[in-house]
Amino acid sequence: MPEKLIAENRRARHEYHLSDKVEAGLVLTGTEVKSLRAGKADLAKAYATVRDGEGWLVGLHIPPYEQASLGAHDPDRDRKLLLHAREIDHLGGRVRERGLTLIPTRLYFKDGRVKVELALGRGKELYDKRRDIANRDAQRQMERALRARR
């Protein structure tokens, strides 16, 4: 079964140098899953952290499910990540020692389960962002020139 994208953090590629991607599951309530099936989630301010040997996703906004009568969830609560112990140790160590951040890049359904793709990111400086934009523009102009020649 193919993956169904729920939300993507496109801003992360602009703000961070990304490396080491890891897929993790999420512990969610029923109304959260229903809200995600409706395609509602915001990854913009989210990040992951390691607390007490467990992975947590902080800042993920899942709006309340409108048709829920009782037991609506807190839209901004911290959500537990489902990772193997060695993955948690590895990611936690990298974040602590090198000043990296765990950033969620994509939220998607895979085989009926909600998954989040985490990447280790180092913040970009302003000149890095400008260089990336200039490289993208140059690449676009080259592609246009090649298309025009054909």
C-alpha atoms as a PDB file:
ATOM      1  CA  MET A   1       0.000   0.000   0.000  1.00  0.00           C
ATOM      2  CA  PRO A   2       1.485   3.379  -0.940  1.00  0.00           C
ATOM      3  CA  GLU A   3       2.106   6.190   1.509  1.00  0.00           C
ATOM      4  CA  LYS A   4      -0.543   8.898   1.843  1.00  0.00           C
ATOM      5  CA  LEU A   5       0.987  12.259   2.718  1.00  0.00           C
ATOM      6  CA  ILE A   6      -0.785  14.210   5.478  1.00  0.00           C
ATOM      7  CA  ALA A   7       1.576  17.157   5.978  1.00  0.00           C
ATOM      8  CA  GLU A   8       5.043  18.184   4.871  1.00  0.00           C
ATOM      9  CA  ASN A   9       7.435  20.614   6.505  1.00  0.00           C
ATOM     10  CA  ARG A  10       8.797  22.329   3.387  1.00  0.00           C
ATOM     11  CA  ARG A  11      10.206  25.162   5.466  1.00  0.00           C
ATOM     12  CA  ALA A  12      12.639  22.746   7.147  1.00  0.00           C
ATOM     13  CA  ARG A  13      14.716  22.399   3.957  1.00  0.00           C
ATOM     14  CA  HIS A  14      15.045  26.177   3.838  1.00  0.00           C
ATOM     15  CA  GLU A  15      15.915  26.662   7.514  1.00  0.00           C
ATOM     16  CA  TYR A  16      18.197  23.627   8.163  1.00  0.00           C
ATOM     17  CA  HIS A  17      20.892  21.426   6.629  1.00  0.00           C
ATOM     18  CA  LEU A  18      19.134  18.033   6.917  1.00  0.00           C
ATOM     19  CA  SER A  19      20.776  14.619   7.353  1.00  0.00           C
ATOM     20  CA  ASP A  20      20.067  11.158   8.854  1.00  0.00           C
ATOM     21  CA  LYS A  21      16.371  10.563   8.215  1.00  0.00           C
ATOM     22  CA  VAL A  22      14.470   8.155  10.479  1.00  0.00           C
ATOM     23  CA  GLU A  23      10.875   6.892  10.333  1.00  0.00           C
ATOM     24  CA  ALA A  24       8.956   6.755  13.621  1.00  0.00           C
ATOM     25  CA  GLY A  25       5.430   5.872  14.680  1.00  0.00           C
ATOM     26  CA  LEU A  26       3.234   8.106  16.831  1.00  0.00           C
ATOM     27  CA  VAL A  27       1.044   7.354  19.842  1.00  0.00           C
ATOM     28  CA  LEU A  28      -2.304   9.001  19.010  1.00  0.00           C
ATOM     29  CA  THR A  29      -5.907   8.994  20.191  1.00  0.00           C
ATOM     30  CA  GLY A  30      -8.839   8.060  17.948  1.00  0.00           C
ATOM     31  CA  THR A  31      -9.994  11.621  17.319  1.00  0.00           C
ATOM     32  CA  GLU A  32      -6.446  12.633  16.373  1.00  0.00           C
ATOM     33  CA  VAL A  33      -6.301   9.897  13.731  1.00  0.00           C
ATOM     34  CA  LYS A  34      -9.707  10.915  12.357  1.00  0.00           C
ATOM     35  CA  SER A  35      -8.563  14.530  12.138  1.00  0.00           C
ATOM     36  CA  LEU A  36      -5.391  13.401  10.323  1.00  0.00           C
ATOM     37  CA  ARG A  37      -7.458  11.322   7.874  1.00  0.00           C
ATOM     38  CA  ALA A  38      -9.239  14.580   7.022  1.00  0.00           C
ATOM     39  CA  GLY A  39      -5.774  15.944   6.140  1.00  0.00           C
ATOM     40  CA  LYS A  40      -5.452  18.418   8.980  1.00  0.00           C
ATOM     41  CA  ALA A  41      -2.097  18.874  10.711  1.00  0.00           C
ATOM     42  CA  ASP A  42       0.540  21.572  11.090  1.00  0.00           C
ATOM     43  CA  LEU A  43       4.230  20.623  11.296  1.00  0.00           C
ATOM     44  CA  ALA A  44       5.560  24.193  11.037  1.00  0.00           C
ATOM     45  CA  LYS A  45       6.614  24.674  14.677  1.00  0.00           C
ATOM     46  CA  ALA A  46       7.184  21.021  15.559  1.00  0.00           C
ATOM     47  CA  TYR A  47      10.415  19.429  16.749  1.00  0.00           C
ATOM     48  CA  ALA A  48      11.369  16.162  18.435  1.00  0.00           C
ATOM     49  CA  THR A  49      13.236  15.694  21.683  1.00  0.00           C
ATOM     50  CA  VAL A  50      14.499  12.854  23.878  1.00  0.00           C
ATOM     51  CA  ARG A  51      13.278  12.901  27.499  1.00  0.00           C
ATOM     52  CA  ASP A  52      13.882  10.128  30.045  1.00  0.00           C
ATOM     53  CA  GLY A  53      14.920   7.655  27.353  1.00  0.00           C
ATOM     54  CA  GLU A  54      11.783   8.266  25.259  1.00  0.00           C
ATOM     55  CA  GLY A  55      11.261  10.220  22.055  1.00  0.00           C
ATOM     56  CA  TRP A  56       8.638  12.995  22.067  1.00  0.00           C
ATOM     57  CA  LEU A  57       7.186  15.109  19.275  1.00  0.00           C
ATOM     58  CA  VAL A  58       6.545  18.639  20.544  1.00  0.00           C
ATOM     59  CA  GLY A  59       4.560  21.379  18.807  1.00  0.00           C
ATOM     60  CA  LEU A  60       2.627  19.243  16.301  1.00  0.00           C
ATOM     61  CA  HIS A  61      -0.808  20.836  15.948  1.00  0.00           C
ATOM     62  CA  ILE A  62      -3.665  18.445  15.157  1.00  0.00           C
ATOM     63  CA  PRO A  63      -6.968  20.372  15.265  1.00  0.00           C
ATOM     64  CA  PRO A  64      -9.924  18.762  17.084  1.00  0.00           C
ATOM     65  CA  TYR A  65     -12.142  16.464  15.049  1.00  0.00           C
ATOM     66  CA  GLU A  66     -15.388  18.349  14.343  1.00  0.00           C
ATOM     67  CA  GLN A  67     -17.732  15.337  14.487  1.00  0.00           C
ATOM     68  CA  ALA A  68     -16.415  14.160  17.876  1.00  0.00           C
ATOM     69  CA  SER A  69     -19.087  14.514  20.543  1.00  0.00           C
ATOM     70  CA  LEU A  70     -17.060  13.721  23.675  1.00  0.00           C
ATOM     71  CA  GLY A  71     -13.398  13.306  24.493  1.00  0.00           C
ATOM     72  CA  ALA A  72     -11.909  15.856  22.138  1.00  0.00           C
ATOM     73  CA  HIS A  73      -8.113  15.818  22.310  1.00  0.00           C
ATOM     74  CA  ASP A  74      -5.722  18.639  23.222  1.00  0.00           C
ATOM     75  CA  PRO A  75      -4.508  19.888  19.809  1.00  0.00           C
ATOM     76  CA  ASP A  76      -1.002  20.863  20.964  1.00  0.00           C
ATOM     77  CA  ARG A  77      -0.082  18.092  23.394  1.00  0.00           C
ATOM     78  CA  ASP A  78       3.302  16.344  23.271  1.00  0.00           C
ATOM     79  CA  ARG A  79       3.065  13.013  21.446  1.00  0.00           C
ATOM     80  CA  LYS A  80       5.224   9.988  22.134  1.00  0.00           C
ATOM     81  CA  LEU A  81       7.386   8.668  19.287  1.00  0.00           C
ATOM     82  CA  LEU A  82       7.664   4.932  18.699  1.00  0.00           C
ATOM     83  CA  LEU A  83      11.357   4.233  18.102  1.00  0.00           C
ATOM     84  CA  HIS A  84      13.739   1.409  18.945  1.00  0.00           C
ATOM     85  CA  ALA A  85      15.932   1.995  22.007  1.00  0.00           C
ATOM     86  CA  ARG A  86      19.111   2.092  19.924  1.00  0.00           C
ATOM     87  CA  GLU A  87      17.558   4.701  17.601  1.00  0.00           C
ATOM     88  CA  ILE A  88      16.608   6.859  20.599  1.00  0.00           C
ATOM     89  CA  ASP A  89      20.132   6.526  22.036  1.00  0.00           C
ATOM     90  CA  HIS A  90      21.750   7.347  18.688  1.00  0.00           C
ATOM     91  CA  LEU A  91      19.535  10.371  17.948  1.00  0.00           C
ATOM     92  CA  GLY A  92      19.677  11.656  21.538  1.00  0.00           C
ATOM     93  CA  GLY A  93      23.472  11.452  21.534  1.00  0.00           C
ATOM     94  CA  ARG A  94      23.783  13.279  18.213  1.00  0.00           C
ATOM     95  CA  VAL A  95      21.438  16.041  19.401  1.00  0.00           C
ATOM     96  CA  ARG A  96      23.283  16.482  22.704  1.00  0.00           C
ATOM     97  CA  GLU A  97      26.874  16.447  21.470  1.00  0.00           C
ATOM     98  CA  ARG A  98      26.759  18.264  18.140  1.00  0.00           C
ATOM     99  CA  GLY A  99      24.072  20.896  18.604  1.00  0.00           C
ATOM    100  CA  LEU A 100      21.709  19.331  16.092  1.00  0.00           C
ATOM    101  CA  THR A 101      17.907  19.416  16.215  1.00  0.00           C
ATOM    102  CA  LEU A 102      15.418  16.656  15.411  1.00  0.00           C
ATOM    103  CA  ILE A 103      12.968  18.078  12.877  1.00  0.00           C
ATOM    104  CA  PRO A 104       9.860  16.319  11.553  1.00  0.00           C
ATOM    105  CA  THR A 105       9.894  16.653   7.759  1.00  0.00           C
ATOM    106  CA  ARG A 106       6.814  14.618   6.752  1.00  0.00           C
ATOM    107  CA  LEU A 107       3.704  13.164   8.390  1.00  0.00           C
ATOM    108  CA  TYR A 108       2.017  10.347   6.467  1.00  0.00           C
ATOM    109  CA  PHE A 109      -0.043   7.155   6.584  1.00  0.00           C
ATOM    110  CA  LYS A 110       1.825   3.925   5.838  1.00  0.00           C
ATOM    111  CA  ASP A 111      -0.154   0.669   5.903  1.00  0.00           C
ATOM    112  CA  GLY A 112      -2.919   2.409   7.865  1.00  0.00           C
ATOM    113  CA  ARG A 113      -0.569   3.699  10.559  1.00  0.00           C
ATOM    114  CA  VAL A 114       0.562   7.296  11.102  1.00  0.00           C
ATOM    115  CA  LYS A 115       4.299   7.743  10.629  1.00  0.00           C
ATOM    116  CA  VAL A 116       6.555  10.764  10.958  1.00  0.00           C
ATOM    117  CA  GLU A 117       9.871  11.207   9.168  1.00  0.00           C
ATOM    118  CA  LEU A 118      12.478  12.830  11.426  1.00  0.00           C
ATOM    119  CA  ALA A 119      15.729  14.353  10.207  1.00  0.00           C
ATOM    120  CA  LEU A 120      18.725  15.692  12.075  1.00  0.00           C
ATOM    121  CA  GLY A 121      19.107  19.356  11.178  1.00  0.00           C
ATOM    122  CA  ARG A 122      21.729  22.019  11.722  1.00  0.00           C
ATOM    123  CA  GLY A 123      20.480  25.601  11.428  1.00  0.00           C
ATOM    124  CA  LYS A 124      21.492  27.515   8.308  1.00  0.00           C
ATOM    125  CA  GLU A 125      23.017  30.962   8.393  1.00  0.00           C
ATOM    126  CA  LEU A 126      21.507  33.744   6.284  1.00  0.00           C
ATOM    127  CA  TYR A 127      24.280  33.479   3.678  1.00  0.00           C
ATOM    128  CA  ASP A 128      23.615  29.716   3.330  1.00  0.00           C
ATOM    129  CA  LYS A 129      19.953  30.434   2.585  1.00  0.00           C
ATOM    130  CA  ARG A 130      20.883  33.085   0.018  1.00  0.00           C
ATOM    131  CA  ARG A 131      23.361  30.722  -1.662  1.00  0.00           C
ATOM    132  CA  ASP A 132      20.707  27.982  -1.882  1.00  0.00           C
ATOM    133  CA  ILE A 133      18.224  30.401  -3.468  1.00  0.00           C
ATOM    134  CA  ALA A 134      20.850  31.583  -5.983  1.00  0.00           C
ATOM    135  CA  ASN A 135      21.744  27.973  -6.876  1.00  0.00           C
ATOM    136  CA  ARG A 136      18.069  27.088  -7.366  1.00  0.00           C
ATOM    137  CA  ASP A 137      17.538  30.112  -9.627  1.00  0.00           C
ATOM    138  CA  ALA A 138      20.643  29.270 -11.682  1.00  0.00           C
ATOM    139  CA  GLN A 139      19.453  25.655 -12.050  1.00  0.00           C
ATOM    140  CA  ARG A 140      16.014  26.833 -13.224  1.00  0.00           C
ATOM    141  CA  GLN A 141      17.558  29.179 -15.799  1.00  0.00           C
ATOM    142  CA  MET A 142      19.769  26.371 -17.166  1.00  0.00           C
ATOM    143  CA  GLU A 143      16.758  24.056 -17.470  1.00  0.00           C
ATOM    144  CA  ARG A 144      14.773  26.767 -19.281  1.00  0.00           C
ATOM    145  CA  ALA A 145      17.667  27.391 -21.695  1.00  0.00           C
ATOM    146  CA  LEU A 146      17.956  23.665 -22.428  1.00  0.00           C
ATOM    147  CA  ARG A 147      14.200  23.393 -23.027  1.00  0.00           C
ATOM    148  CA  ALA A 148      14.296  26.392 -25.376  1.00  0.00           C
ATOM    149  CA  ARG A 149      17.109  24.802 -27.447  1.00  0.00           C
ATOM    150  CA  ARG A 150      15.072  21.644 -28.147  1.00  0.00           C
END
